Amino acid sequence: MKHKPCLTLDDARAVAAGAEAEAAAHGWAVTIAIVDDGGHLMWLQRLDGAAPISAQIAPAKARTAALGRRESKAYEDMINQGRTSFLSAPGLEGLLEGGVPIVVDGQCVGAVGVSGVKSAEDAQIARAGIARLG
């Protein structure tokens, strides 16, 4: 039997606080979603002024990053480079930059998805949140 770390609610709170601080420092209105390693939503936070659609996009980005064990940008790049058939991959909807896996001891324990500003800025916010885990 293998053992691996698991994301806790306290971990999700810490990640969310770090992501919110990064967004606030830049005045960005975003939605922050945190999922476990199976892509199940643990945290959703829509900051004041964030577009309502961002509450759908952020969890999709997070789920894609968790299930794929890679940043959602990898899928966006693949599609943009001509592999459009990947749009039919089952269960993946957030094929846009802004979903970042949370990796602990080489194991994906979840992911953060952010939506509301430019995609690179969404990813920046997600990484800042993950950095709070230490």
C-alpha atoms as a PDB file:
ATOM      1  CA  MET A   1       0.000   0.000   0.000  1.00  0.00           C
ATOM      2  CA  LYS A   2       1.347   3.417  -0.956  1.00  0.00           C
ATOM      3  CA  HIS A   3       0.849   6.495   1.178  1.00  0.00           C
ATOM      4  CA  LYS A   4       0.580  10.070   0.012  1.00  0.00           C
ATOM      5  CA  PRO A   5      -0.188  13.449   1.520  1.00  0.00           C
ATOM      6  CA  CYS A   6      -3.754  14.800   1.324  1.00  0.00           C
ATOM      7  CA  LEU A   7      -4.981  18.351   1.050  1.00  0.00           C
ATOM      8  CA  THR A   8      -6.914  19.433   4.142  1.00  0.00           C
ATOM      9  CA  LEU A   9      -9.435  22.196   4.579  1.00  0.00           C
ATOM     10  CA  ASP A  10      -6.821  24.150   6.558  1.00  0.00           C
ATOM     11  CA  ASP A  11      -4.453  23.766   3.598  1.00  0.00           C
ATOM     12  CA  ALA A  12      -7.159  25.018   1.239  1.00  0.00           C
ATOM     13  CA  ARG A  13      -7.755  28.019   3.500  1.00  0.00           C
ATOM     14  CA  ALA A  14      -4.034  28.854   3.477  1.00  0.00           C
ATOM     15  CA  VAL A  15      -3.826  28.561  -0.304  1.00  0.00           C
ATOM     16  CA  ALA A  16      -6.947  30.700  -0.703  1.00  0.00           C
ATOM     17  CA  ALA A  17      -5.535  33.369   1.609  1.00  0.00           C
ATOM     18  CA  GLY A  18      -2.301  33.512  -0.370  1.00  0.00           C
ATOM     19  CA  ALA A  19      -4.151  33.702  -3.668  1.00  0.00           C
ATOM     20  CA  GLU A  20      -6.509  36.380  -2.376  1.00  0.00           C
ATOM     21  CA  ALA A  21      -3.572  38.440  -1.082  1.00  0.00           C
ATOM     22  CA  GLU A  22      -1.874  38.270  -4.495  1.00  0.00           C
ATOM     23  CA  ALA A  23      -5.066  39.307  -6.275  1.00  0.00           C
ATOM     24  CA  ALA A  24      -5.709  42.136  -3.815  1.00  0.00           C
ATOM     25  CA  ALA A  25      -2.140  43.432  -4.146  1.00  0.00           C
ATOM     26  CA  HIS A  26      -2.815  44.006  -7.845  1.00  0.00           C
ATOM     27  CA  GLY A  27      -6.452  45.053  -7.557  1.00  0.00           C
ATOM     28  CA  TRP A  28      -7.627  42.005  -9.526  1.00  0.00           C
ATOM     29  CA  ALA A  29     -11.217  40.805  -9.143  1.00  0.00           C
ATOM     30  CA  VAL A  30     -11.089  37.023  -9.590  1.00  0.00           C
ATOM     31  CA  THR A  31     -12.623  33.766  -8.514  1.00  0.00           C
ATOM     32  CA  ILE A  32     -10.369  31.257  -6.726  1.00  0.00           C
ATOM     33  CA  ALA A  33     -11.205  27.552  -6.748  1.00  0.00           C
ATOM     34  CA  ILE A  34      -9.354  24.784  -4.923  1.00  0.00           C
ATOM     35  CA  VAL A  35      -9.977  21.103  -5.607  1.00  0.00           C
ATOM     36  CA  ASP A  36      -8.628  17.851  -4.170  1.00  0.00           C
ATOM     37  CA  ASP A  37      -6.655  15.319  -6.215  1.00  0.00           C
ATOM     38  CA  GLY A  38      -9.872  13.900  -7.683  1.00  0.00           C
ATOM     39  CA  GLY A  39     -10.989  17.318  -8.896  1.00  0.00           C
ATOM     40  CA  HIS A  40     -13.666  17.708  -6.215  1.00  0.00           C
ATOM     41  CA  LEU A  41     -14.310  21.276  -5.109  1.00  0.00           C
ATOM     42  CA  MET A  42     -13.034  22.154  -1.631  1.00  0.00           C
ATOM     43  CA  TRP A  43     -13.068  25.949  -1.844  1.00  0.00           C
ATOM     44  CA  LEU A  44     -14.689  28.583  -4.048  1.00  0.00           C
ATOM     45  CA  GLN A  45     -14.229  32.280  -3.452  1.00  0.00           C
ATOM     46  CA  ARG A  46     -15.499  34.977  -5.795  1.00  0.00           C
ATOM     47  CA  LEU A  47     -13.944  38.305  -4.927  1.00  0.00           C
ATOM     48  CA  ASP A  48     -16.022  41.472  -5.155  1.00  0.00           C
ATOM     49  CA  GLY A  49     -16.300  42.608  -8.755  1.00  0.00           C
ATOM     50  CA  ALA A  50     -15.384  39.250 -10.320  1.00  0.00           C
ATOM     51  CA  ALA A  51     -17.514  38.326 -13.312  1.00  0.00           C
ATOM     52  CA  PRO A  52     -20.163  35.696 -12.546  1.00  0.00           C
ATOM     53  CA  ILE A  53     -18.824  33.380 -15.287  1.00  0.00           C
ATOM     54  CA  SER A  54     -15.498  33.212 -13.448  1.00  0.00           C
ATOM     55  CA  ALA A  55     -17.255  31.089 -10.793  1.00  0.00           C
ATOM     56  CA  GLN A  56     -17.718  28.428 -13.495  1.00  0.00           C
ATOM     57  CA  ILE A  57     -14.326  28.789 -15.188  1.00  0.00           C
ATOM     58  CA  ALA A  58     -12.074  28.714 -12.083  1.00  0.00           C
ATOM     59  CA  PRO A  59     -13.280  25.287 -10.841  1.00  0.00           C
ATOM     60  CA  ALA A  60     -13.000  23.871 -14.363  1.00  0.00           C
ATOM     61  CA  LYS A  61      -9.377  25.037 -14.600  1.00  0.00           C
ATOM     62  CA  ALA A  62      -8.605  23.570 -11.171  1.00  0.00           C
ATOM     63  CA  ARG A  63     -10.272  20.242 -11.997  1.00  0.00           C
ATOM     64  CA  THR A  64      -8.336  19.991 -15.275  1.00  0.00           C
ATOM     65  CA  ALA A  65      -5.018  20.672 -13.507  1.00  0.00           C
ATOM     66  CA  ALA A  66      -5.746  18.127 -10.757  1.00  0.00           C
ATOM     67  CA  LEU A  67      -6.928  15.329 -13.029  1.00  0.00           C
ATOM     68  CA  GLY A  68      -4.176  15.911 -15.581  1.00  0.00           C
ATOM     69  CA  ARG A  69      -1.489  16.433 -12.938  1.00  0.00           C
ATOM     70  CA  ARG A  70      -0.178  19.399 -14.950  1.00  0.00           C
ATOM     71  CA  GLU A  71      -0.962  23.047 -15.484  1.00  0.00           C
ATOM     72  CA  SER A  72      -4.069  23.638 -17.554  1.00  0.00           C
ATOM     73  CA  LYS A  73      -1.936  25.797 -19.847  1.00  0.00           C
ATOM     74  CA  ALA A  74      -0.388  22.594 -21.235  1.00  0.00           C
ATOM     75  CA  TYR A  75      -3.754  21.702 -22.745  1.00  0.00           C
ATOM     76  CA  GLU A  76      -4.339  25.206 -24.072  1.00  0.00           C
ATOM     77  CA  ASP A  77      -0.913  25.111 -25.744  1.00  0.00           C
ATOM     78  CA  MET A  78      -1.601  21.676 -27.230  1.00  0.00           C
ATOM     79  CA  ILE A  79      -4.864  22.889 -28.748  1.00  0.00           C
ATOM     80  CA  ASN A  80      -3.342  26.151 -29.988  1.00  0.00           C
ATOM     81  CA  GLN A  81      -0.589  24.160 -31.701  1.00  0.00           C
ATOM     82  CA  GLY A  82      -3.180  22.358 -33.788  1.00  0.00           C
ATOM     83  CA  ARG A  83      -4.221  19.329 -31.765  1.00  0.00           C
ATOM     84  CA  THR A  84      -7.845  20.444 -31.702  1.00  0.00           C
ATOM     85  CA  SER A  85      -9.050  16.860 -31.285  1.00  0.00           C
ATOM     86  CA  PHE A  86      -8.030  17.239 -27.632  1.00  0.00           C
ATOM     87  CA  LEU A  87     -11.157  19.354 -27.186  1.00  0.00           C
ATOM     88  CA  SER A  88     -13.056  16.053 -27.098  1.00  0.00           C
ATOM     89  CA  ALA A  89     -11.104  14.680 -24.098  1.00  0.00           C
ATOM     90  CA  PRO A  90     -13.670  13.427 -21.584  1.00  0.00           C
ATOM     91  CA  GLY A  91     -14.107  15.274 -18.316  1.00  0.00           C
ATOM     92  CA  LEU A  92     -11.822  18.195 -19.133  1.00  0.00           C
ATOM     93  CA  GLU A  93     -13.446  21.584 -19.536  1.00  0.00           C
ATOM     94  CA  GLY A  94     -11.023  24.206 -18.232  1.00  0.00           C
ATOM     95  CA  LEU A  95      -8.480  23.975 -21.027  1.00  0.00           C
ATOM     96  CA  LEU A  96      -7.189  27.491 -20.369  1.00  0.00           C
ATOM     97  CA  GLU A  97      -4.173  28.808 -18.485  1.00  0.00           C
ATOM     98  CA  GLY A  98      -4.875  29.453 -14.816  1.00  0.00           C
ATOM     99  CA  GLY A  99      -5.124  25.963 -13.333  1.00  0.00           C
ATOM    100  CA  VAL A 100      -2.050  24.895 -11.337  1.00  0.00           C
ATOM    101  CA  PRO A 101      -1.587  21.541  -9.594  1.00  0.00           C
ATOM    102  CA  ILE A 102      -0.574  21.415  -5.930  1.00  0.00           C
ATOM    103  CA  VAL A 103       2.333  18.981  -5.669  1.00  0.00           C
ATOM    104  CA  VAL A 104       3.626  17.736  -2.306  1.00  0.00           C
ATOM    105  CA  ASP A 105       6.445  15.197  -2.084  1.00  0.00           C
ATOM    106  CA  GLY A 106       6.084  14.513  -5.811  1.00  0.00           C
ATOM    107  CA  GLN A 107       2.351  13.746  -5.492  1.00  0.00           C
ATOM    108  CA  CYS A 108      -0.485  15.852  -6.835  1.00  0.00           C
ATOM    109  CA  VAL A 109      -2.796  16.527  -3.887  1.00  0.00           C
ATOM    110  CA  GLY A 110      -5.093  18.987  -5.638  1.00  0.00           C
ATOM    111  CA  ALA A 111      -5.070  22.128  -7.724  1.00  0.00           C
ATOM    112  CA  VAL A 112      -5.942  25.801  -7.776  1.00  0.00           C
ATOM    113  CA  GLY A 113      -7.910  27.422 -10.568  1.00  0.00           C
ATOM    114  CA  VAL A 114      -8.250  31.165 -10.957  1.00  0.00           C
ATOM    115  CA  SER A 115     -10.359  33.141 -13.403  1.00  0.00           C
ATOM    116  CA  GLY A 116     -11.020  36.821 -13.888  1.00  0.00           C
ATOM    117  CA  VAL A 117      -7.941  38.511 -15.316  1.00  0.00           C
ATOM    118  CA  LYS A 118      -5.427  37.657 -18.045  1.00  0.00           C
ATOM    119  CA  SER A 119      -4.606  33.950 -18.053  1.00  0.00           C
ATOM    120  CA  ALA A 120      -0.960  34.462 -17.050  1.00  0.00           C
ATOM    121  CA  GLU A 121      -2.145  36.607 -14.136  1.00  0.00           C
ATOM    122  CA  ASP A 122      -4.654  33.917 -13.135  1.00  0.00           C
ATOM    123  CA  ALA A 123      -1.754  31.428 -12.980  1.00  0.00           C
ATOM    124  CA  GLN A 124       0.351  33.936 -11.020  1.00  0.00           C
ATOM    125  CA  ILE A 125      -2.399  34.181  -8.399  1.00  0.00           C
ATOM    126  CA  ALA A 126      -2.714  30.381  -8.213  1.00  0.00           C
ATOM    127  CA  ARG A 127       1.042  29.943  -7.733  1.00  0.00           C
ATOM    128  CA  ALA A 128       1.108  32.607  -5.013  1.00  0.00           C
ATOM    129  CA  GLY A 129      -1.583  30.688  -3.151  1.00  0.00           C
ATOM    130  CA  ILE A 130       0.264  27.394  -3.465  1.00  0.00           C
ATOM    131  CA  ALA A 131       3.438  29.069  -2.169  1.00  0.00           C
ATOM    132  CA  ARG A 132       1.621  29.581   1.159  1.00  0.00           C
ATOM    133  CA  LEU A 133       1.859  25.850   1.807  1.00  0.00           C
ATOM    134  CA  GLY A 134       5.622  26.212   2.223  1.00  0.00           C
END
